[in-house]
Protein backbone atom coordinates (compact mmCIF):
# COMPACT_ATOMS: atom_id res chain seq x y z
CA UNK A 1 -8.72 18.26 -24.29
CA UNK A 2 -10.89 16.44 -21.75
CA UNK A 3 -12.24 18.43 -18.80
CA UNK A 4 -11.91 16.05 -15.86
CA UNK A 5 -14.59 16.44 -13.20
CA UNK A 6 -13.99 16.96 -9.50
CA UNK A 7 -13.91 13.73 -7.50
CA UNK A 8 -16.74 13.41 -4.99
CA UNK A 9 -17.54 11.06 -2.13
CA UNK A 10 -16.08 9.98 1.20
CA UNK A 11 -12.67 9.30 -0.36
CA UNK A 12 -12.16 13.08 -0.63
CA UNK A 13 -11.02 14.31 2.77
CA UNK A 14 -8.77 16.84 4.45
CA UNK A 15 -6.11 15.51 6.81
CA UNK A 16 -7.02 17.81 9.69
CA UNK A 17 -10.61 16.55 9.52
CA UNK A 18 -9.79 12.88 9.12
CA UNK A 19 -7.48 12.97 12.13
CA UNK A 20 -10.57 13.76 14.25
CA UNK A 21 -12.97 11.40 12.45
CA UNK A 22 -13.50 8.01 14.17
CA UNK A 23 -15.27 6.35 11.21
CA UNK A 24 -12.12 4.57 10.01
CA UNK A 25 -11.01 3.28 13.46
CA UNK A 26 -12.36 -0.13 14.46
CA UNK A 27 -11.99 -1.87 17.82
CA UNK A 28 -12.67 -5.62 17.58
CA UNK A 29 -15.00 -7.03 20.19
CA UNK A 30 -13.84 -9.49 22.82
CA UNK A 31 -15.72 -12.22 20.93
CA UNK A 32 -13.92 -11.34 17.69
CA UNK A 33 -10.52 -11.44 19.40
CA UNK A 34 -11.42 -14.79 20.95
CA UNK A 35 -12.34 -16.10 17.48
CA UNK A 36 -8.95 -14.99 16.14
CA UNK A 37 -7.22 -16.68 19.06
CA UNK A 38 -9.18 -19.91 18.54
CA UNK A 39 -8.34 -19.94 14.82
CA UNK A 40 -4.64 -19.49 15.56
CA UNK A 41 -4.69 -22.29 18.14
CA UNK A 42 -6.47 -24.63 15.73
CA UNK A 43 -4.10 -24.17 12.78
CA UNK A 44 -1.06 -24.30 15.06
CA UNK A 45 -2.28 -27.61 16.52
CA UNK A 46 -2.64 -28.94 12.97
CA UNK A 47 0.92 -27.88 12.21
CA UNK A 48 -0.03 -25.47 9.41
CA UNK A 49 2.54 -22.79 8.62
CA UNK A 50 1.28 -19.25 8.11
CA UNK A 51 1.87 -19.32 4.33
CA UNK A 52 -0.20 -22.49 3.99
CA UNK A 53 -3.36 -20.91 5.37
CA UNK A 54 -6.48 -20.37 3.30
CA UNK A 55 -9.84 -18.84 4.05
CA UNK A 56 -11.27 -22.32 4.62
CA UNK A 57 -8.45 -23.57 6.84
CA UNK A 58 -8.52 -20.46 9.06
CA UNK A 59 -12.14 -20.25 10.29
CA UNK A 60 -13.15 -16.85 11.70
CA UNK A 61 -16.45 -17.38 13.46
CA UNK A 62 -18.45 -14.18 13.84
CA UNK A 63 -16.22 -12.02 11.61
CA UNK A 64 -18.47 -11.85 8.54
CA UNK A 65 -20.00 -8.46 9.31
CA UNK A 66 -16.65 -7.01 10.38
CA UNK A 67 -14.96 -8.16 7.17
CA UNK A 68 -17.78 -6.61 5.13
CA UNK A 69 -17.43 -3.36 7.12
CA UNK A 70 -13.68 -3.16 6.46
CA UNK A 71 -14.06 -3.91 2.75
CA UNK A 72 -16.80 -1.29 2.37
CA UNK A 73 -14.87 1.46 4.17
CA UNK A 74 -11.80 0.79 2.05
CA UNK A 75 -13.57 0.74 -1.32
CA UNK A 76 -16.59 3.01 -0.88
CA UNK A 77 -15.65 5.07 2.18
CA UNK A 78 -12.57 6.98 3.26
CA UNK A 79 -10.14 4.41 1.84
CA UNK A 80 -8.44 3.69 5.16
CA UNK A 81 -9.11 1.55 8.20
CA UNK A 82 -7.24 1.12 11.46
CA UNK A 83 -8.07 -2.08 13.35
CA UNK A 84 -6.95 -1.60 16.94
CA UNK A 85 -6.19 -3.80 19.89
CA UNK A 86 -4.72 -7.02 18.48
CA UNK A 87 -2.88 -8.47 21.53
CA UNK A 88 0.44 -8.99 19.73
CA UNK A 89 2.31 -9.53 23.00
CA UNK A 90 0.29 -12.73 23.52
CA UNK A 91 1.71 -14.50 20.48
CA UNK A 92 5.02 -15.97 19.42
CA UNK A 93 6.18 -14.76 16.00
CA UNK A 94 4.96 -17.88 14.17
CA UNK A 95 1.47 -17.59 15.66
CA UNK A 96 1.28 -13.85 15.06
CA UNK A 97 2.05 -14.46 11.40
CA UNK A 98 -0.67 -17.12 11.32
CA UNK A 99 -3.13 -14.62 12.78
CA UNK A 100 -2.23 -11.85 10.32
CA UNK A 101 -2.05 -13.99 7.19
CA UNK A 102 -5.25 -15.84 8.08
CA UNK A 103 -7.13 -12.57 8.63
CA UNK A 104 -5.77 -11.27 5.33
CA UNK A 105 -7.07 -14.35 3.50
CA UNK A 106 -10.59 -13.47 4.65
CA UNK A 107 -10.31 -9.87 3.43
CA UNK A 108 -8.88 -10.55 -0.03
CA UNK A 109 -6.21 -12.49 -1.87
CA UNK A 110 -2.58 -12.12 -0.78
CA UNK A 111 -0.10 -11.14 -3.50
CA UNK A 112 3.62 -11.58 -4.08
CA UNK A 113 5.54 -8.49 -2.97
CA UNK A 114 8.81 -9.13 -4.80
CA UNK A 115 10.31 -11.32 -7.50
CA UNK A 116 11.22 -13.97 -4.92
CA UNK A 117 7.57 -14.73 -4.23
CA UNK A 118 7.42 -13.15 -0.77
CA UNK A 119 3.87 -12.99 0.61
CA UNK A 120 4.58 -11.26 3.93
CA UNK A 121 7.21 -8.55 4.22
CA UNK A 122 8.86 -7.79 7.54
CA UNK A 123 9.33 -4.03 7.57
CA UNK A 124 12.31 -3.15 9.74
CA UNK A 125 15.63 -1.34 9.46
CA UNK A 126 17.91 -3.87 7.77
CA UNK A 127 20.94 -1.61 8.02
CA UNK A 128 23.71 -1.40 5.46
CA UNK A 129 23.78 -3.40 2.26
CA UNK A 130 20.07 -3.05 1.54
CA UNK A 131 20.79 -1.68 -1.92
CA UNK A 132 22.99 -4.63 -2.84
CA UNK A 133 20.26 -7.06 -1.81
CA UNK A 134 17.21 -5.32 -3.21
CA UNK A 135 18.41 -3.04 -5.99
CA UNK A 136 20.74 -0.05 -6.25
CA UNK A 137 22.29 1.97 -9.06
CA UNK A 138 25.28 4.27 -8.71
CA UNK A 139 24.65 7.67 -10.30
CA UNK A 140 26.44 11.01 -10.46
CA UNK A 141 24.31 12.11 -7.52
CA UNK A 142 25.03 9.03 -5.38
CA UNK A 143 23.39 5.67 -4.79
CA UNK A 144 19.87 5.28 -6.15
CA UNK A 145 17.81 2.69 -4.21
CA UNK A 146 14.80 0.82 -5.51
CA UNK A 147 11.46 1.47 -3.80
CA UNK A 148 11.66 -1.99 -2.25
CA UNK A 149 15.06 -1.26 -0.69
CA UNK A 150 13.92 2.11 0.65
CA UNK A 151 11.21 0.53 2.80
CA UNK A 152 13.94 -1.41 4.64
CA UNK A 153 16.01 1.60 5.69
CA UNK A 154 15.21 4.00 8.52
CA UNK A 155 14.94 7.05 6.28
CA UNK A 156 11.83 8.96 5.30
CA UNK A 157 9.52 7.53 2.64
CA UNK A 158 7.94 9.97 0.22
CA UNK A 159 4.22 9.82 -0.55
CA UNK A 160 3.54 6.86 -2.81
CA UNK A 161 1.19 3.97 -3.54
CA UNK A 162 1.91 0.24 -3.54
CA UNK A 163 1.21 -2.17 -6.38
CA UNK A 164 -1.98 -3.67 -4.96
CA UNK A 165 -5.58 -2.69 -4.24
CA UNK A 166 -5.00 -2.66 -0.48
CA UNK A 167 -1.84 -2.68 1.62
CA UNK A 168 -2.09 -3.89 5.22
CA UNK A 169 0.45 -3.27 7.99
CA UNK A 170 0.36 -5.03 11.35
CA UNK A 171 2.47 -3.16 13.90
CA UNK A 172 4.40 -5.59 16.11
CA UNK A 173 6.76 -3.03 17.64
CA UNK A 174 7.57 0.63 17.15
CA UNK A 175 10.86 2.48 16.97
CA UNK A 176 12.34 4.53 19.76
CA UNK A 177 11.67 7.69 17.74
CA UNK A 178 9.85 8.51 14.52
CA UNK A 179 8.36 6.10 12.00
CA UNK A 180 5.08 8.03 11.87
CA UNK A 181 2.68 7.26 9.01
CA UNK A 182 1.67 10.19 6.79
CA UNK A 183 -1.64 9.68 4.98
CA UNK A 184 -3.31 11.74 2.30
CA UNK A 185 -6.39 11.49 0.08
CA UNK A 186 -5.12 11.36 -3.50
CA UNK A 187 -8.64 12.35 -4.61
CA UNK A 188 -8.35 15.53 -2.52
CA UNK A 189 -4.98 16.24 -4.16
CA UNK A 190 -6.63 15.77 -7.56
CA UNK A 191 -9.34 18.29 -6.73
CA UNK A 192 -6.89 20.84 -5.34
CA UNK A 193 -4.81 20.63 -8.52
CA UNK A 194 -7.95 21.14 -10.61
CA UNK A 195 -8.73 24.29 -8.61
CA UNK A 196 -5.20 25.73 -8.67
CA UNK A 197 -3.67 24.50 -11.92
CA UNK A 198 -6.12 22.74 -14.26
CA UNK A 199 -3.42 22.76 -16.94
CA UNK A 200 -1.24 20.53 -14.75
CA UNK A 201 -4.19 18.26 -13.98
CA UNK A 202 -4.28 17.41 -17.68
CA UNK A 203 -0.59 16.49 -17.54
CA UNK A 204 -1.20 14.02 -14.71
CA UNK A 205 -3.81 12.19 -16.80
CA UNK A 206 -1.15 11.62 -19.47
CA UNK A 207 1.49 8.85 -19.37
CA UNK A 208 4.63 9.09 -17.25
CA UNK A 209 7.29 6.50 -17.91
CA UNK A 210 8.05 4.21 -14.95
CA UNK A 211 10.82 1.64 -14.57
CA UNK A 212 10.38 -1.91 -13.30
CA UNK A 213 13.65 -1.50 -11.40
CA UNK A 214 13.50 -3.57 -8.21
CA UNK A 215 10.37 -5.44 -9.33
CA UNK A 216 10.54 -8.24 -11.91
CA UNK A 217 13.87 -10.01 -12.38
CA UNK A 218 15.56 -9.10 -15.63
CA UNK A 219 13.20 -6.16 -16.19
CA UNK A 220 15.42 -3.45 -14.72
CA UNK A 221 15.75 -1.72 -18.07
CA UNK A 222 12.09 -2.00 -19.05
CA UNK A 223 10.02 1.17 -18.82
CA UNK A 224 6.28 1.45 -19.26
CA UNK A 225 3.90 4.42 -19.70
CA UNK A 226 1.21 4.96 -17.07
CA UNK A 227 -0.78 8.06 -16.10
CA UNK A 228 -0.71 9.16 -12.46
CA UNK A 229 -4.47 9.87 -12.46
CA UNK A 230 -7.26 7.85 -14.05
CA UNK A 231 -11.02 7.44 -13.91
CA UNK A 232 -13.27 4.58 -14.97
CA UNK A 233 -17.03 4.08 -14.49
CA UNK A 234 -17.16 6.97 -12.03
CA UNK A 235 -14.27 5.66 -9.91
CA UNK A 236 -10.95 7.44 -9.39
CA UNK A 237 -7.53 5.82 -9.21
CA UNK A 238 -4.02 7.14 -8.73
CA UNK A 239 -0.88 5.04 -8.94
CA UNK A 240 2.20 7.02 -7.99
CA UNK A 241 5.75 6.31 -6.88
CA UNK A 242 8.33 8.94 -7.74
CA UNK A 243 11.13 6.39 -7.32
CA UNK A 244 9.95 4.38 -10.35
CA UNK A 245 9.64 7.58 -12.39
CA UNK A 246 13.14 8.68 -11.38
CA UNK A 247 14.49 5.22 -12.23
CA UNK A 248 12.97 5.50 -15.73
CA UNK A 249 14.69 8.85 -16.18
CA UNK A 250 18.04 7.06 -15.78
CA UNK A 251 17.33 5.07 -18.94
CA UNK A 252 18.77 6.78 -22.04
CA UNK A 253 15.80 5.68 -24.14
CA UNK A 254 13.43 7.51 -21.75
CA UNK A 255 15.37 10.53 -20.55
CA UNK A 256 14.26 13.33 -18.23
CA UNK A 257 10.73 14.47 -17.52
CA UNK A 258 9.35 17.42 -19.42
CA UNK A 259 9.07 20.75 -17.63
CA UNK A 260 5.25 20.44 -17.28
CA UNK A 261 5.62 16.90 -15.90
CA UNK A 262 8.17 18.05 -13.34
CA UNK A 263 5.99 20.97 -12.33
CA UNK A 264 2.92 18.74 -12.00
CA UNK A 265 4.76 16.30 -9.73
CA UNK A 266 6.11 19.13 -7.58
CA UNK A 267 2.58 20.48 -7.08
CA UNK A 268 1.24 17.00 -6.32
CA UNK A 269 3.89 16.48 -3.63
CA UNK A 270 3.32 19.95 -2.17
CA UNK A 271 -0.44 19.38 -1.91
CA UNK A 272 -0.04 15.88 -0.50
CA UNK A 273 2.00 17.34 2.35
CA UNK A 274 -0.49 20.16 2.82
CA UNK A 275 -3.53 17.86 2.93
CA UNK A 276 -2.10 14.93 4.92
CA UNK A 277 -2.26 13.94 8.55
CA UNK A 278 0.10 11.91 10.71
CA UNK A 279 -0.78 8.68 12.47
CA UNK A 280 1.39 6.65 14.82
CA UNK A 281 0.84 2.92 14.71
CA UNK A 282 1.01 1.30 18.14
CA UNK A 283 1.77 -2.39 18.70
CA UNK A 284 -1.43 -4.28 17.91
CA UNK A 285 -2.69 -1.76 15.34
CA UNK A 286 -3.43 -2.87 11.78
CA UNK A 287 -3.52 -0.21 9.07
CA UNK A 288 -5.34 -0.91 5.79
CA UNK A 289 -5.03 1.54 2.87
CA UNK A 290 -6.75 1.55 -0.51
CA UNK A 291 -3.92 2.47 -2.85
CA UNK A 292 -6.29 3.82 -5.49
CA UNK A 293 -7.35 6.73 -3.28
CA UNK A 294 -4.63 7.06 -0.60
CA UNK A 295 -1.01 8.22 -0.73
CA UNK A 296 1.12 7.11 2.19
CA UNK A 297 4.57 7.98 3.47
CA UNK A 298 6.67 7.66 6.61
CA UNK A 299 8.87 9.92 8.70
CA UNK A 300 12.45 8.80 9.51
CA UNK A 301 12.85 6.58 12.54
CA UNK A 302 15.51 5.53 15.00
CA UNK A 303 15.45 2.23 16.87
CA UNK A 304 16.26 1.99 20.58
CA UNK A 305 17.38 -1.62 21.19
CA UNK A 306 18.17 -1.04 24.85
CA UNK A 307 14.58 0.01 25.49
CA UNK A 308 13.25 -2.85 23.37
CA UNK A 309 11.86 -0.45 20.78
CA UNK A 310 12.90 -1.76 17.37
CA UNK A 311 10.44 -1.07 14.62
CA UNK A 312 8.79 -4.18 13.13
CA UNK A 313 5.70 -4.34 10.94
CA UNK A 314 4.30 -7.23 8.91
CA UNK A 315 3.04 -6.15 5.48
CA UNK A 316 0.48 -7.84 3.23
CA UNK A 317 -0.55 -6.86 -0.29
CA UNK A 318 -4.17 -7.69 -1.06
CA UNK A 319 -6.31 -7.89 -4.18
CA UNK A 320 -9.88 -7.16 -3.11
CA UNK A 321 -13.05 -8.90 -4.34
CA UNK A 322 -14.96 -5.57 -4.27
CA UNK A 323 -12.29 -3.52 -6.06
CA UNK A 324 -13.05 -0.82 -8.64
CA UNK A 325 -12.63 -1.10 -12.41
CA UNK A 326 -9.55 0.63 -13.81
CA UNK A 327 -8.96 2.41 -17.14
CA UNK A 328 -7.71 0.23 -19.98
CA UNK A 329 -4.39 2.07 -20.14
CA UNK A 330 -3.65 0.89 -16.59
CA UNK A 331 -3.45 -2.74 -17.74
CA UNK A 332 0.27 -2.26 -18.43
CA UNK A 333 0.81 -2.42 -14.66
CA UNK A 334 -2.27 -4.14 -13.22
CA UNK A 335 -2.76 -6.64 -16.10
CA UNK A 336 -6.43 -7.19 -15.28
CA UNK A 337 -8.43 -3.96 -14.92
CA UNK A 338 -11.90 -5.46 -14.37
CA UNK A 339 -13.72 -4.79 -11.12
CA UNK A 340 -13.01 -7.48 -8.54
CA UNK A 341 -10.18 -8.96 -10.61
CA UNK A 342 -7.11 -10.63 -9.18
CA UNK A 343 -4.47 -8.01 -9.97
CA UNK A 344 -1.40 -6.27 -8.67
CA UNK A 345 1.60 -7.74 -6.94
CA UNK A 346 4.72 -9.09 -8.61
CA UNK A 347 4.71 -12.11 -10.94
CA UNK A 348 0.96 -12.30 -11.34
CA UNK A 349 1.15 -14.36 -14.56
CA UNK A 350 1.07 -17.57 -12.55
CA UNK A 351 -2.10 -16.59 -10.71
CA UNK A 352 -5.70 -17.31 -11.64
CA UNK A 353 -7.77 -14.66 -13.36
CA UNK A 354 -10.39 -13.68 -10.82
CA UNK A 355 -11.22 -13.54 -7.15
CA UNK A 356 -13.85 -15.59 -5.40
CA UNK A 357 -16.21 -13.31 -3.50
CA UNK A 358 -17.68 -14.35 -0.21
């Protein structure tokens, strides 16, 4: 049985320390904000919709060093970045989407987030009927929602990762109460499990069946094996969403988790809560997370329409040109596991095979 080493580097951090560490918080300069504003004005004058924008059609003068800084912190640093101070109140919705999508095109390649080809997800409370629109199964224990549907309710979200190298959230407006981000280093969770229960660490490097429920159309009953932890060429990765694992358990050909698997997940969730910190996104904040080294969740929230506080975030999924290589057994989800590859998202078959670095 392989003895997996402790993960080292800046991606291993304790929540209480990271909450006080300014390295991951970036305030754009006045010149950088002016460049964003000029780019938005230019593409709007040309009549380009946000989803038509490319890196070339959305020029960001003076952002080269900032883009490099963000990419480096996400891949080789702490794995998270908060870009503060985007003047969201200045822009109409169409222009704000131009700004966000155009900036995203400079950081990486935007990916489809569902089987309808959606490139930008509006994260808000969509109320009742979410399960009927985005995937629900009735079980003995009640209604089981897909991961996609859960993001569009106002309930809590458990620690998880998204199906992309980096997820970006632009906060347009916050709720009246709650909706706080919970962030945790998955590498720190790995190390804590190695210290406390090395036997369970071995379990997490072995395959867990996941369901494609709520992802590809017609694939609701397809399950695939994927470890929760992996390492390749000295780089760590963790892909984890308990919802997909629970959905696979509903399939008779898969069945329930083993006792060691269930115990390993329980310890992972306990340590994620123990090692996390909370962060409130304010309007104008952009949160970037490297899904290979960060687990994220959310506390429940409640909108206050009378006070004008209704939670709205714009989400992008990005494949990054400086991404890490992944183990071969992760290809079942990511398809292309090479460093810097175009990977992740939903319906990637129609995409080209590699990213263009800049």
